[in-house]
C-alpha atoms as a PDB file:
ATOM      1  CA  MET A   1       0.000   0.000   0.000  1.00  0.00           C
ATOM      2  CA  SER A   2       1.303   3.430  -0.900  1.00  0.00           C
ATOM      3  CA  HIS A   3       0.430   6.757   0.687  1.00  0.00           C
ATOM      4  CA  THR A   4       1.932  10.128   1.496  1.00  0.00           C
ATOM      5  CA  PRO A   5       3.963   9.630   4.684  1.00  0.00           C
ATOM      6  CA  GLY A   6       3.051  11.558   7.803  1.00  0.00           C
ATOM      7  CA  PRO A   7       2.971  13.485   9.873  1.00  0.00           C
ATOM      8  CA  TRP A   8       0.360  15.708   8.271  1.00  0.00           C
ATOM      9  CA  GLN A   9      -0.852  19.048   9.538  1.00  0.00           C
ATOM     10  CA  TYR A  10      -3.805  21.222   8.654  1.00  0.00           C
ATOM     11  CA  GLU A  11      -4.192  24.969   8.204  1.00  0.00           C
ATOM     12  CA  TYR A  12      -7.255  27.161   7.966  1.00  0.00           C
ATOM     13  CA  ARG A  13      -7.491  29.177   4.749  1.00  0.00           C
ATOM     14  CA  GLU A  14      -9.885  31.911   3.770  1.00  0.00           C
ATOM     15  CA  ASP A  15      -9.845  32.743   0.074  1.00  0.00           C
ATOM     16  CA  TRP A  16     -12.053  34.873  -2.111  1.00  0.00           C
ATOM     17  CA  ASP A  17     -13.267  31.821  -4.065  1.00  0.00           C
ATOM     18  CA  CYS A  18     -13.988  29.768  -0.946  1.00  0.00           C
ATOM     19  CA  PRO A  19     -14.988  31.514   2.274  1.00  0.00           C
ATOM     20  CA  SER A  20     -13.501  28.819   4.486  1.00  0.00           C
ATOM     21  CA  SER A  21     -11.404  25.776   3.828  1.00  0.00           C
ATOM     22  CA  TYR A  22      -8.645  23.711   5.382  1.00  0.00           C
ATOM     23  CA  GLU A  23      -5.508  22.543   3.654  1.00  0.00           C
ATOM     24  CA  ILE A  24      -3.688  19.413   4.747  1.00  0.00           C
ATOM     25  CA  TRP A  25       0.105  19.446   4.277  1.00  0.00           C
ATOM     26  CA  ASP A  26       2.730  16.716   4.637  1.00  0.00           C
ATOM     27  CA  LYS A  27       6.054  17.078   6.463  1.00  0.00           C
ATOM     28  CA  ALA A  28       7.767  18.255   3.259  1.00  0.00           C
ATOM     29  CA  ASP A  29       5.215  21.108   2.968  1.00  0.00           C
ATOM     30  CA  ARG A  30       3.442  19.497   0.015  1.00  0.00           C
ATOM     31  CA  LEU A  31      -0.316  19.948  -0.236  1.00  0.00           C
ATOM     32  CA  VAL A  32      -2.046  16.613   0.419  1.00  0.00           C
ATOM     33  CA  CYS A  33      -5.622  17.831   0.020  1.00  0.00           C
ATOM     34  CA  ARG A  34      -8.061  20.654   0.637  1.00  0.00           C
ATOM     35  CA  THR A  35     -11.428  20.305   2.333  1.00  0.00           C
ATOM     36  CA  HIS A  36     -14.319  22.709   2.701  1.00  0.00           C
ATOM     37  CA  ARG A  37     -15.646  20.868   5.738  1.00  0.00           C
ATOM     38  CA  THR A  38     -15.265  21.564   9.439  1.00  0.00           C
ATOM     39  CA  GLU A  39     -12.073  21.764  11.459  1.00  0.00           C
ATOM     40  CA  GLU A  40     -12.909  18.374  12.995  1.00  0.00           C
ATOM     41  CA  ILE A  41     -12.902  16.773   9.538  1.00  0.00           C
ATOM     42  CA  ALA A  42      -9.598  18.473   8.695  1.00  0.00           C
ATOM     43  CA  ARG A  43      -8.065  17.103  11.918  1.00  0.00           C
ATOM     44  CA  LEU A  44      -9.363  13.620  11.102  1.00  0.00           C
ATOM     45  CA  ILE A  45      -7.848  13.759   7.602  1.00  0.00           C
ATOM     46  CA  ALA A  46      -4.540  15.048   9.016  1.00  0.00           C
ATOM     47  CA  ALA A  47      -4.487  12.116  11.454  1.00  0.00           C
ATOM     48  CA  ALA A  48      -4.811   9.528   8.643  1.00  0.00           C
ATOM     49  CA  PRO A  49      -1.116   8.452   8.583  1.00  0.00           C
ATOM     50  CA  ASP A  50      -1.104   7.954  12.369  1.00  0.00           C
ATOM     51  CA  LEU A  51      -4.386   6.039  12.238  1.00  0.00           C
ATOM     52  CA  LEU A  52      -3.056   3.814   9.454  1.00  0.00           C
ATOM     53  CA  GLU A  53       0.087   3.037  11.455  1.00  0.00           C
ATOM     54  CA  ALA A  54      -1.958   2.187  14.552  1.00  0.00           C
ATOM     55  CA  LEU A  55      -4.297  -0.088  12.596  1.00  0.00           C
ATOM     56  CA  GLN A  56      -1.390  -1.873  10.906  1.00  0.00           C
ATOM     57  CA  GLY A  57       0.177  -2.491  14.324  1.00  0.00           C
ATOM     58  CA  LEU A  58      -3.106  -3.820  15.682  1.00  0.00           C
ATOM     59  CA  LEU A  59      -3.515  -6.085  12.651  1.00  0.00           C
ATOM     60  CA  ASN A  60      -0.041  -7.528  13.229  1.00  0.00           C
ATOM     61  CA  VAL A  61      -0.901  -8.334  16.847  1.00  0.00           C
ATOM     62  CA  VAL A  62      -4.250  -9.892  15.947  1.00  0.00           C
ATOM     63  CA  GLN A  63      -2.747 -12.038  13.197  1.00  0.00           C
ATOM     64  CA  ARG A  64      -0.184 -13.478  15.656  1.00  0.00           C
ATOM     65  CA  THR A  65      -2.723 -14.528  18.271  1.00  0.00           C
ATOM     66  CA  PRO A  66      -3.789 -18.197  18.323  1.00  0.00           C
ATOM     67  CA  ALA A  67      -7.490 -17.304  18.124  1.00  0.00           C
ATOM     68  CA  ALA A  68      -6.952 -15.569  14.756  1.00  0.00           C
ATOM     69  CA  GLN A  69      -5.324 -18.639  13.175  1.00  0.00           C
END
Protein backbone atom coordinates (compact mmCIF):
# COMPACT_ATOMS: atom_id res chain seq x y z
CA MET A 1 0.00 0.00 0.00
CA SER A 2 1.30 3.43 -0.90
CA HIS A 3 0.43 6.76 0.69
CA THR A 4 1.93 10.13 1.50
CA PRO A 5 3.96 9.63 4.68
CA GLY A 6 3.05 11.56 7.80
CA PRO A 7 2.97 13.48 9.87
CA TRP A 8 0.36 15.71 8.27
CA GLN A 9 -0.85 19.05 9.54
CA TYR A 10 -3.81 21.22 8.65
CA GLU A 11 -4.19 24.97 8.20
CA TYR A 12 -7.25 27.16 7.97
CA ARG A 13 -7.49 29.18 4.75
CA GLU A 14 -9.88 31.91 3.77
CA ASP A 15 -9.84 32.74 0.07
CA TRP A 16 -12.05 34.87 -2.11
CA ASP A 17 -13.27 31.82 -4.07
CA CYS A 18 -13.99 29.77 -0.95
CA PRO A 19 -14.99 31.51 2.27
CA SER A 20 -13.50 28.82 4.49
CA SER A 21 -11.40 25.78 3.83
CA TYR A 22 -8.65 23.71 5.38
CA GLU A 23 -5.51 22.54 3.65
CA ILE A 24 -3.69 19.41 4.75
CA TRP A 25 0.11 19.45 4.28
CA ASP A 26 2.73 16.72 4.64
CA LYS A 27 6.05 17.08 6.46
CA ALA A 28 7.77 18.26 3.26
CA ASP A 29 5.22 21.11 2.97
CA ARG A 30 3.44 19.50 0.02
CA LEU A 31 -0.32 19.95 -0.24
CA VAL A 32 -2.05 16.61 0.42
CA CYS A 33 -5.62 17.83 0.02
CA ARG A 34 -8.06 20.65 0.64
CA THR A 35 -11.43 20.30 2.33
CA HIS A 36 -14.32 22.71 2.70
CA ARG A 37 -15.65 20.87 5.74
CA THR A 38 -15.26 21.56 9.44
CA GLU A 39 -12.07 21.76 11.46
CA GLU A 40 -12.91 18.37 12.99
CA ILE A 41 -12.90 16.77 9.54
CA ALA A 42 -9.60 18.47 8.69
CA ARG A 43 -8.07 17.10 11.92
CA LEU A 44 -9.36 13.62 11.10
CA ILE A 45 -7.85 13.76 7.60
CA ALA A 46 -4.54 15.05 9.02
CA ALA A 47 -4.49 12.12 11.45
CA ALA A 48 -4.81 9.53 8.64
CA PRO A 49 -1.12 8.45 8.58
CA ASP A 50 -1.10 7.95 12.37
CA LEU A 51 -4.39 6.04 12.24
CA LEU A 52 -3.06 3.81 9.45
CA GLU A 53 0.09 3.04 11.46
CA ALA A 54 -1.96 2.19 14.55
CA LEU A 55 -4.30 -0.09 12.60
CA GLN A 56 -1.39 -1.87 10.91
CA GLY A 57 0.18 -2.49 14.32
CA LEU A 58 -3.11 -3.82 15.68
CA LEU A 59 -3.51 -6.08 12.65
CA ASN A 60 -0.04 -7.53 13.23
CA VAL A 61 -0.90 -8.33 16.85
CA VAL A 62 -4.25 -9.89 15.95
CA GLN A 63 -2.75 -12.04 13.20
CA ARG A 64 -0.18 -13.48 15.66
CA THR A 65 -2.72 -14.53 18.27
CA PRO A 66 -3.79 -18.20 18.32
CA ALA A 67 -7.49 -17.30 18.12
CA ALA A 68 -6.95 -15.57 14.76
CA GLN A 69 -5.32 -18.64 13.18
